[in-house]
Protein backbone atom coordinates (compact mmCIF):
# COMPACT_ATOMS: atom_id res chain seq x y z
CA UNK A 1 161.85 -103.42 130.33
CA UNK A 2 161.30 -106.94 131.60
CA UNK A 3 159.20 -108.59 134.29
CA UNK A 4 161.15 -110.26 137.10
CA UNK A 5 160.47 -112.01 140.38
CA UNK A 6 162.83 -111.86 143.33
CA UNK A 7 162.38 -114.00 146.44
CA UNK A 8 164.22 -115.45 149.41
CA UNK A 9 163.41 -118.33 151.74
CA UNK A 10 164.47 -116.93 155.12
CA UNK A 11 161.17 -116.90 157.00
CA UNK A 12 160.49 -113.89 159.17
CA UNK A 13 157.51 -111.83 160.31
CA UNK A 14 157.00 -108.19 159.29
CA UNK A 15 159.16 -108.92 156.28
CA UNK A 16 158.94 -109.00 152.52
CA UNK A 17 159.41 -112.51 151.14
CA UNK A 18 159.43 -111.51 147.48
CA UNK A 19 158.39 -109.07 144.78
CA UNK A 20 157.28 -108.96 141.17
CA UNK A 21 159.27 -106.16 139.58
CA UNK A 22 159.39 -104.39 136.22
CA UNK A 23 162.97 -103.29 135.53
CA UNK A 24 165.78 -103.15 133.00
CA UNK A 25 168.21 -105.45 134.84
CA UNK A 26 168.70 -107.80 137.76
CA UNK A 27 170.69 -105.07 139.52
CA UNK A 28 167.68 -102.71 139.37
CA UNK A 29 165.47 -105.49 140.76
CA UNK A 30 167.77 -105.96 143.75
CA UNK A 31 168.04 -102.21 144.39
CA UNK A 32 164.25 -101.75 144.34
CA UNK A 33 163.83 -104.63 146.80
CA UNK A 34 166.47 -103.17 149.12
CA UNK A 35 164.78 -99.77 148.93
CA UNK A 36 161.61 -100.98 150.66
CA UNK A 37 163.06 -103.69 152.90
CA UNK A 38 161.47 -104.26 156.29
CA UNK A 39 162.58 -106.62 159.09
CA UNK A 40 164.27 -108.97 156.60
CA UNK A 41 166.99 -106.33 156.07
CA UNK A 42 168.65 -105.08 152.89
CA UNK A 43 171.39 -107.74 152.76
CA UNK A 44 168.98 -110.62 152.10
CA UNK A 45 168.26 -109.22 148.63
CA UNK A 46 171.93 -109.57 147.57
CA UNK A 47 171.57 -113.36 147.49
CA UNK A 48 167.85 -113.67 146.72
CA UNK A 49 166.77 -115.68 143.66
CA UNK A 50 165.88 -113.53 140.62
CA UNK A 51 164.00 -114.91 137.61
CA UNK A 52 163.07 -113.19 134.35
CA UNK A 53 159.53 -113.86 133.08
CA UNK A 54 159.12 -111.82 129.90
CA UNK A 55 158.75 -108.38 128.39
CA UNK A 56 156.76 -105.52 129.94
CA UNK A 57 154.73 -103.93 127.14
CA UNK A 58 152.71 -101.18 128.86
CA UNK A 59 153.35 -97.44 129.00
CA UNK A 60 155.47 -96.99 132.16
CA UNK A 61 159.15 -96.34 131.51
CA UNK A 62 160.63 -96.21 135.04
CA UNK A 63 161.36 -99.42 137.01
CA UNK A 64 158.76 -100.25 139.68
CA UNK A 65 157.51 -102.97 142.03
CA UNK A 66 154.29 -104.40 140.65
CA UNK A 67 153.33 -106.50 143.70
CA UNK A 68 154.87 -107.92 146.87
CA UNK A 69 154.58 -110.85 149.26
CA UNK A 70 154.63 -109.42 152.81
CA UNK A 71 154.44 -111.57 155.96
CA UNK A 72 152.83 -109.52 158.72
CA UNK A 73 153.38 -110.63 162.29
């Protein structure tokens, strides 16, 4: 699996602005982000910027969100 970031620039409160995700593909990254969406809505993640940052070398084998940027209002 690989380490990715996904983020958007549409400012909102009570919304996720981005995530660091461990996944097998960009599609999995987008689906994980949509799965926990808040007030930003699911659709924002379809056009959000995804970047790959390297290999994940630990023991977990299922895709997961490592950390998130959440703007509380």
